[in-house]
């Protein structure tokens, strides 16, 4: 099962409850690939980071950016605001099925998020 996840950003009313509900729904699956804008830096330390990392540990999920290290340091880039962060991830319970992973930086991109690319 592939699940595209967009967790609410900081400041969202009942953010922790929404995130908990979404993550609980995914937990019951056998093979999981979670991909999307998680709106937290999983290398940081706050309540949401702990919640997502605990979920990943319970589901035996591995981060594709750790399996396939890249030179890309950001997945969110907003030059006008001078903001950069790594908040988009792909996590998998079947790392041996992922042949390739990268964060792309296309010449034309109408989003402030860089696309994630994987061959599974």
N, C-alpha and C. Protein backbone atom coordinates (compact mmCIF):
# COMPACT_ATOMS: atom_id res chain seq x y z
N UNK A 1 0.84 -1.17 0.00
CA UNK A 1 0.00 0.00 0.00
C UNK A 1 0.89 1.23 0.00
N UNK A 2 0.58 2.20 -0.84
CA UNK A 2 1.28 3.47 -0.86
C UNK A 2 0.33 4.52 -0.30
N UNK A 3 0.81 5.25 0.70
CA UNK A 3 0.00 6.29 1.32
C UNK A 3 0.71 7.62 1.13
N UNK A 4 0.06 8.57 0.53
CA UNK A 4 0.62 9.91 0.39
C UNK A 4 0.10 10.73 1.57
N UNK A 5 1.00 11.22 2.39
CA UNK A 5 0.63 11.86 3.64
C UNK A 5 0.96 13.34 3.63
N UNK A 6 0.01 14.14 4.05
CA UNK A 6 0.23 15.56 4.30
C UNK A 6 -0.25 15.83 5.72
N UNK A 7 0.69 15.87 6.64
CA UNK A 7 0.31 16.15 8.02
C UNK A 7 0.20 17.66 8.20
N UNK A 8 -0.66 18.09 9.11
CA UNK A 8 -0.89 19.53 9.29
C UNK A 8 0.35 20.26 9.82
N UNK A 9 0.51 21.50 9.40
CA UNK A 9 1.67 22.29 9.83
C UNK A 9 1.45 22.84 11.23
N UNK A 10 2.52 23.35 11.83
CA UNK A 10 2.43 23.90 13.18
C UNK A 10 1.43 25.06 13.19
N UNK A 11 0.71 25.16 14.27
CA UNK A 11 -0.31 26.19 14.39
C UNK A 11 -1.69 25.70 14.02
N UNK A 12 -1.79 24.52 13.41
CA UNK A 12 -3.09 23.95 13.05
C UNK A 12 -3.82 23.51 14.31
N UNK A 13 -5.08 23.88 14.41
CA UNK A 13 -5.89 23.50 15.57
C UNK A 13 -5.97 21.97 15.65
N UNK A 14 -5.73 21.42 16.82
CA UNK A 14 -5.77 19.98 17.10
C UNK A 14 -4.79 19.19 16.23
N UNK A 15 -3.63 19.78 15.97
CA UNK A 15 -2.62 19.15 15.12
C UNK A 15 -2.22 17.78 15.63
N UNK A 16 -1.92 17.66 16.92
CA UNK A 16 -1.46 16.38 17.47
C UNK A 16 -2.52 15.31 17.32
N UNK A 17 -3.78 15.65 17.54
CA UNK A 17 -4.88 14.69 17.43
C UNK A 17 -5.05 14.22 15.98
N UNK A 18 -4.97 15.15 15.03
CA UNK A 18 -5.09 14.81 13.61
C UNK A 18 -3.95 13.88 13.20
N UNK A 19 -2.73 14.23 13.58
CA UNK A 19 -1.57 13.41 13.23
C UNK A 19 -1.70 12.01 13.84
N UNK A 20 -2.11 11.93 15.08
CA UNK A 20 -2.26 10.66 15.76
C UNK A 20 -3.27 9.78 15.03
N UNK A 21 -4.37 10.35 14.61
CA UNK A 21 -5.42 9.62 13.91
C UNK A 21 -4.92 9.09 12.56
N UNK A 22 -4.24 9.94 11.80
CA UNK A 22 -3.72 9.54 10.49
C UNK A 22 -2.71 8.40 10.65
N UNK A 23 -1.79 8.54 11.60
CA UNK A 23 -0.75 7.53 11.79
C UNK A 23 -1.35 6.22 12.29
N UNK A 24 -2.35 6.28 13.13
CA UNK A 24 -3.00 5.07 13.63
C UNK A 24 -3.67 4.31 12.50
N UNK A 25 -4.26 5.01 11.56
CA UNK A 25 -4.93 4.37 10.43
C UNK A 25 -3.94 3.61 9.55
N UNK A 26 -2.73 4.11 9.43
CA UNK A 26 -1.71 3.48 8.59
C UNK A 26 -1.10 2.25 9.26
N UNK A 27 -1.05 2.24 10.58
CA UNK A 27 -0.33 1.22 11.35
C UNK A 27 -0.77 -0.20 11.06
N UNK A 28 -2.01 -0.41 10.68
CA UNK A 28 -2.53 -1.77 10.50
C UNK A 28 -2.13 -2.41 9.17
N UNK A 29 -1.43 -1.74 8.32
CA UNK A 29 -1.06 -2.27 6.99
C UNK A 29 0.17 -3.18 7.09
N UNK A 30 0.36 -4.08 6.11
CA UNK A 30 1.50 -4.99 6.14
C UNK A 30 2.74 -4.40 5.48
N UNK A 31 2.64 -4.00 4.22
CA UNK A 31 3.75 -3.32 3.55
C UNK A 31 3.35 -1.87 3.41
N UNK A 32 4.21 -0.99 3.89
CA UNK A 32 3.85 0.42 3.94
C UNK A 32 4.92 1.26 3.27
N UNK A 33 4.48 2.21 2.45
CA UNK A 33 5.34 3.29 1.97
C UNK A 33 4.57 4.57 2.26
N UNK A 34 5.13 5.38 3.11
CA UNK A 34 4.52 6.66 3.45
C UNK A 34 5.36 7.74 2.80
N UNK A 35 4.73 8.60 2.01
CA UNK A 35 5.48 9.63 1.32
C UNK A 35 4.70 10.94 1.36
N UNK A 36 5.42 12.03 1.54
CA UNK A 36 4.76 13.32 1.44
C UNK A 36 5.34 14.37 2.36
N UNK A 37 4.59 15.44 2.45
CA UNK A 37 4.95 16.60 3.26
C UNK A 37 4.51 16.33 4.70
N UNK A 38 5.45 15.95 5.53
CA UNK A 38 5.13 15.61 6.92
C UNK A 38 5.12 16.87 7.79
N UNK A 39 5.65 17.96 7.28
CA UNK A 39 5.65 19.24 8.00
C UNK A 39 6.42 19.24 9.31
N UNK A 40 7.37 18.33 9.44
CA UNK A 40 8.31 18.35 10.55
C UNK A 40 9.67 17.89 10.03
N UNK A 41 10.72 18.35 10.66
CA UNK A 41 12.07 17.89 10.37
C UNK A 41 12.32 16.70 11.29
N UNK A 42 12.36 15.50 10.74
CA UNK A 42 12.47 14.29 11.55
C UNK A 42 13.80 14.17 12.29
N UNK A 43 14.74 15.05 12.00
CA UNK A 43 15.99 15.09 12.75
C UNK A 43 15.92 16.10 13.90
N UNK A 44 14.79 16.79 14.02
CA UNK A 44 14.61 17.78 15.09
C UNK A 44 14.14 17.11 16.36
N UNK A 45 13.68 17.93 17.30
CA UNK A 45 13.16 17.35 18.54
C UNK A 45 12.02 18.23 19.07
N UNK A 46 10.82 17.74 18.86
CA UNK A 46 9.63 18.32 19.48
C UNK A 46 8.58 17.22 19.54
N UNK A 47 7.40 17.54 20.02
CA UNK A 47 6.35 16.54 20.21
C UNK A 47 5.96 15.85 18.90
N UNK A 48 5.82 16.61 17.82
CA UNK A 48 5.41 16.02 16.54
C UNK A 48 6.50 15.11 15.98
N UNK A 49 7.75 15.52 16.12
CA UNK A 49 8.86 14.69 15.66
C UNK A 49 8.84 13.36 16.41
N UNK A 50 8.65 13.43 17.73
CA UNK A 50 8.60 12.21 18.55
C UNK A 50 7.45 11.32 18.12
N UNK A 51 6.29 11.92 17.83
CA UNK A 51 5.12 11.14 17.44
C UNK A 51 5.37 10.42 16.11
N UNK A 52 5.90 11.13 15.12
CA UNK A 52 6.15 10.52 13.81
C UNK A 52 7.26 9.47 13.91
N UNK A 53 8.34 9.78 14.63
CA UNK A 53 9.43 8.81 14.77
C UNK A 53 9.00 7.58 15.55
N UNK A 54 8.15 7.73 16.55
CA UNK A 54 7.62 6.58 17.30
C UNK A 54 6.76 5.70 16.39
N UNK A 55 5.93 6.35 15.57
CA UNK A 55 5.11 5.63 14.59
C UNK A 55 6.01 4.84 13.64
N UNK A 56 7.05 5.48 13.13
CA UNK A 56 7.97 4.82 12.20
C UNK A 56 8.64 3.62 12.86
N UNK A 57 9.02 3.77 14.10
CA UNK A 57 9.66 2.67 14.82
C UNK A 57 8.68 1.52 15.04
N UNK A 58 7.45 1.83 15.45
CA UNK A 58 6.43 0.78 15.67
C UNK A 58 6.14 0.00 14.39
N UNK A 59 6.16 0.68 13.26
CA UNK A 59 5.85 0.04 11.96
C UNK A 59 7.09 -0.46 11.25
N UNK A 60 8.25 -0.37 11.90
CA UNK A 60 9.53 -0.79 11.30
C UNK A 60 9.78 -0.08 9.98
N UNK A 61 9.53 1.23 9.95
CA UNK A 61 9.73 2.02 8.74
C UNK A 61 11.14 2.59 8.71
N UNK A 62 11.73 2.57 7.52
CA UNK A 62 13.04 3.17 7.33
C UNK A 62 12.92 4.37 6.41
N UNK A 63 13.66 5.41 6.70
CA UNK A 63 13.66 6.62 5.88
C UNK A 63 14.49 6.40 4.62
N UNK A 64 13.89 6.69 3.47
CA UNK A 64 14.61 6.51 2.20
C UNK A 64 15.78 7.47 2.08
N UNK A 65 15.69 8.66 2.69
CA UNK A 65 16.82 9.59 2.63
C UNK A 65 18.01 9.08 3.44
N UNK A 66 17.79 8.14 4.34
CA UNK A 66 18.90 7.52 5.09
C UNK A 66 19.43 6.30 4.34
N UNK A 67 18.55 5.59 3.62
CA UNK A 67 18.97 4.44 2.84
C UNK A 67 19.79 4.88 1.63
N UNK A 68 19.33 5.98 0.99
CA UNK A 68 20.00 6.54 -0.19
C UNK A 68 20.41 7.99 0.11
N UNK A 69 21.50 8.18 0.83
CA UNK A 69 21.92 9.55 1.16
C UNK A 69 22.14 10.39 -0.10
N UNK A 70 21.75 11.65 -0.01
CA UNK A 70 21.83 12.57 -1.14
C UNK A 70 22.52 13.85 -0.71
N UNK A 71 22.95 14.61 -1.67
CA UNK A 71 23.55 15.90 -1.36
C UNK A 71 22.48 16.97 -1.11
N UNK A 72 21.22 16.64 -1.40
CA UNK A 72 20.12 17.60 -1.21
C UNK A 72 19.86 17.78 0.29
N UNK A 73 19.92 19.00 0.75
CA UNK A 73 19.72 19.27 2.17
C UNK A 73 18.33 19.79 2.47
N UNK A 74 17.55 20.10 1.42
CA UNK A 74 16.23 20.67 1.63
C UNK A 74 15.21 20.00 0.71
N UNK A 75 13.96 19.94 1.16
CA UNK A 75 12.86 19.53 0.28
C UNK A 75 11.86 20.66 0.13
N UNK A 76 11.94 21.65 1.01
CA UNK A 76 11.11 22.85 0.92
C UNK A 76 12.06 24.03 0.72
N UNK A 77 11.84 24.78 -0.35
CA UNK A 77 12.70 25.91 -0.66
C UNK A 77 11.82 27.08 -1.09
N UNK A 78 11.87 28.16 -0.32
CA UNK A 78 11.14 29.38 -0.68
C UNK A 78 12.15 30.51 -0.69
N UNK A 79 12.65 30.80 -1.87
CA UNK A 79 13.69 31.83 -2.02
C UNK A 79 13.19 33.21 -1.60
N UNK A 80 11.94 33.54 -1.92
CA UNK A 80 11.39 34.86 -1.60
C UNK A 80 11.37 35.10 -0.10
N UNK A 81 11.07 34.07 0.67
CA UNK A 81 11.03 34.19 2.13
C UNK A 81 12.35 33.79 2.78
N UNK A 82 13.31 33.34 1.96
CA UNK A 82 14.59 32.83 2.45
C UNK A 82 14.39 31.73 3.49
N UNK A 83 13.48 30.79 3.16
CA UNK A 83 13.16 29.66 4.04
C UNK A 83 13.55 28.37 3.34
N UNK A 84 14.17 27.47 4.09
CA UNK A 84 14.58 26.17 3.57
C UNK A 84 14.42 25.15 4.69
N UNK A 85 13.92 23.98 4.37
CA UNK A 85 13.82 22.93 5.38
C UNK A 85 13.69 21.57 4.70
N UNK A 86 13.84 20.53 5.49
CA UNK A 86 13.65 19.16 5.01
C UNK A 86 12.42 18.63 5.73
N UNK A 87 11.26 18.68 5.06
CA UNK A 87 10.00 18.29 5.68
C UNK A 87 9.23 17.26 4.86
N UNK A 88 9.75 16.86 3.70
CA UNK A 88 9.11 15.87 2.85
C UNK A 88 9.93 14.58 2.94
N UNK A 89 9.23 13.49 3.17
CA UNK A 89 9.92 12.22 3.40
C UNK A 89 9.23 11.08 2.69
N UNK A 90 9.99 10.00 2.52
CA UNK A 90 9.45 8.73 2.10
C UNK A 90 9.99 7.70 3.08
N UNK A 91 9.06 6.99 3.74
CA UNK A 91 9.42 5.96 4.71
C UNK A 91 8.83 4.64 4.21
N UNK A 92 9.55 3.54 4.43
CA UNK A 92 9.09 2.27 3.92
C UNK A 92 9.32 1.13 4.91
N UNK A 93 8.39 0.20 4.91
CA UNK A 93 8.56 -1.02 5.71
C UNK A 93 9.26 -2.10 4.89
N UNK A 94 9.48 -1.83 3.62
CA UNK A 94 10.12 -2.81 2.74
C UNK A 94 11.31 -2.16 2.02
N UNK A 95 12.38 -1.85 2.75
CA UNK A 95 13.51 -1.13 2.14
C UNK A 95 14.19 -1.88 1.01
N UNK A 96 14.12 -3.20 1.02
CA UNK A 96 14.75 -3.98 -0.05
C UNK A 96 14.01 -3.82 -1.38
N UNK A 97 12.75 -3.35 -1.33
CA UNK A 97 11.96 -3.14 -2.54
C UNK A 97 12.25 -1.78 -3.20
N UNK A 98 12.93 -0.90 -2.49
CA UNK A 98 13.24 0.43 -3.02
C UNK A 98 14.58 0.35 -3.74
N UNK A 99 14.52 0.53 -5.06
CA UNK A 99 15.73 0.41 -5.88
C UNK A 99 16.51 1.73 -5.93
N UNK A 100 15.77 2.83 -5.85
CA UNK A 100 16.41 4.15 -5.97
C UNK A 100 15.52 5.18 -5.29
N UNK A 101 16.14 6.20 -4.71
CA UNK A 101 15.42 7.31 -4.10
C UNK A 101 16.27 8.57 -4.25
N UNK A 102 15.59 9.69 -4.52
CA UNK A 102 16.30 10.97 -4.60
C UNK A 102 15.30 12.11 -4.43
N UNK A 103 15.82 13.25 -4.10
CA UNK A 103 15.05 14.50 -4.09
C UNK A 103 15.46 15.22 -5.37
N UNK A 104 14.49 15.46 -6.24
CA UNK A 104 14.79 16.07 -7.53
C UNK A 104 14.81 17.59 -7.42
N UNK A 105 15.54 18.22 -8.32
CA UNK A 105 15.59 19.68 -8.39
C UNK A 105 15.39 20.08 -9.85
N UNK A 106 14.14 19.98 -10.34
CA UNK A 106 13.90 20.24 -11.76
C UNK A 106 14.07 21.72 -12.11
N UNK A 107 14.38 21.97 -13.39
CA UNK A 107 14.52 23.35 -13.86
C UNK A 107 13.21 24.12 -13.72
N UNK A 108 12.10 23.45 -13.99
CA UNK A 108 10.78 24.08 -13.85
C UNK A 108 10.04 23.37 -12.74
N UNK A 109 9.68 24.13 -11.70
CA UNK A 109 8.96 23.57 -10.56
C UNK A 109 8.07 24.69 -10.02
N UNK A 110 6.77 24.53 -10.12
CA UNK A 110 5.84 25.56 -9.68
C UNK A 110 5.49 25.44 -8.19
N UNK A 111 6.13 24.52 -7.51
CA UNK A 111 5.90 24.33 -6.09
C UNK A 111 7.11 24.80 -5.31
N UNK A 112 6.92 25.09 -4.03
CA UNK A 112 8.07 25.40 -3.17
C UNK A 112 8.62 24.14 -2.51
N UNK A 113 8.06 22.98 -2.86
CA UNK A 113 8.57 21.70 -2.40
C UNK A 113 9.25 21.01 -3.58
N UNK A 114 10.38 20.37 -3.32
CA UNK A 114 11.06 19.61 -4.36
C UNK A 114 10.44 18.22 -4.40
N UNK A 115 10.27 17.66 -5.60
CA UNK A 115 9.64 16.33 -5.70
C UNK A 115 10.55 15.21 -5.21
N UNK A 116 9.92 14.23 -4.56
CA UNK A 116 10.60 13.02 -4.16
C UNK A 116 10.46 12.02 -5.31
N UNK A 117 11.51 11.26 -5.56
CA UNK A 117 11.52 10.29 -6.65
C UNK A 117 11.97 8.94 -6.10
N UNK A 118 11.26 7.89 -6.45
CA UNK A 118 11.66 6.55 -6.03
C UNK A 118 11.33 5.54 -7.13
N UNK A 119 12.17 4.54 -7.23
CA UNK A 119 11.87 3.37 -8.04
C UNK A 119 11.67 2.22 -7.05
N UNK A 120 10.46 1.65 -7.12
CA UNK A 120 10.10 0.60 -6.16
C UNK A 120 9.76 -0.66 -6.91
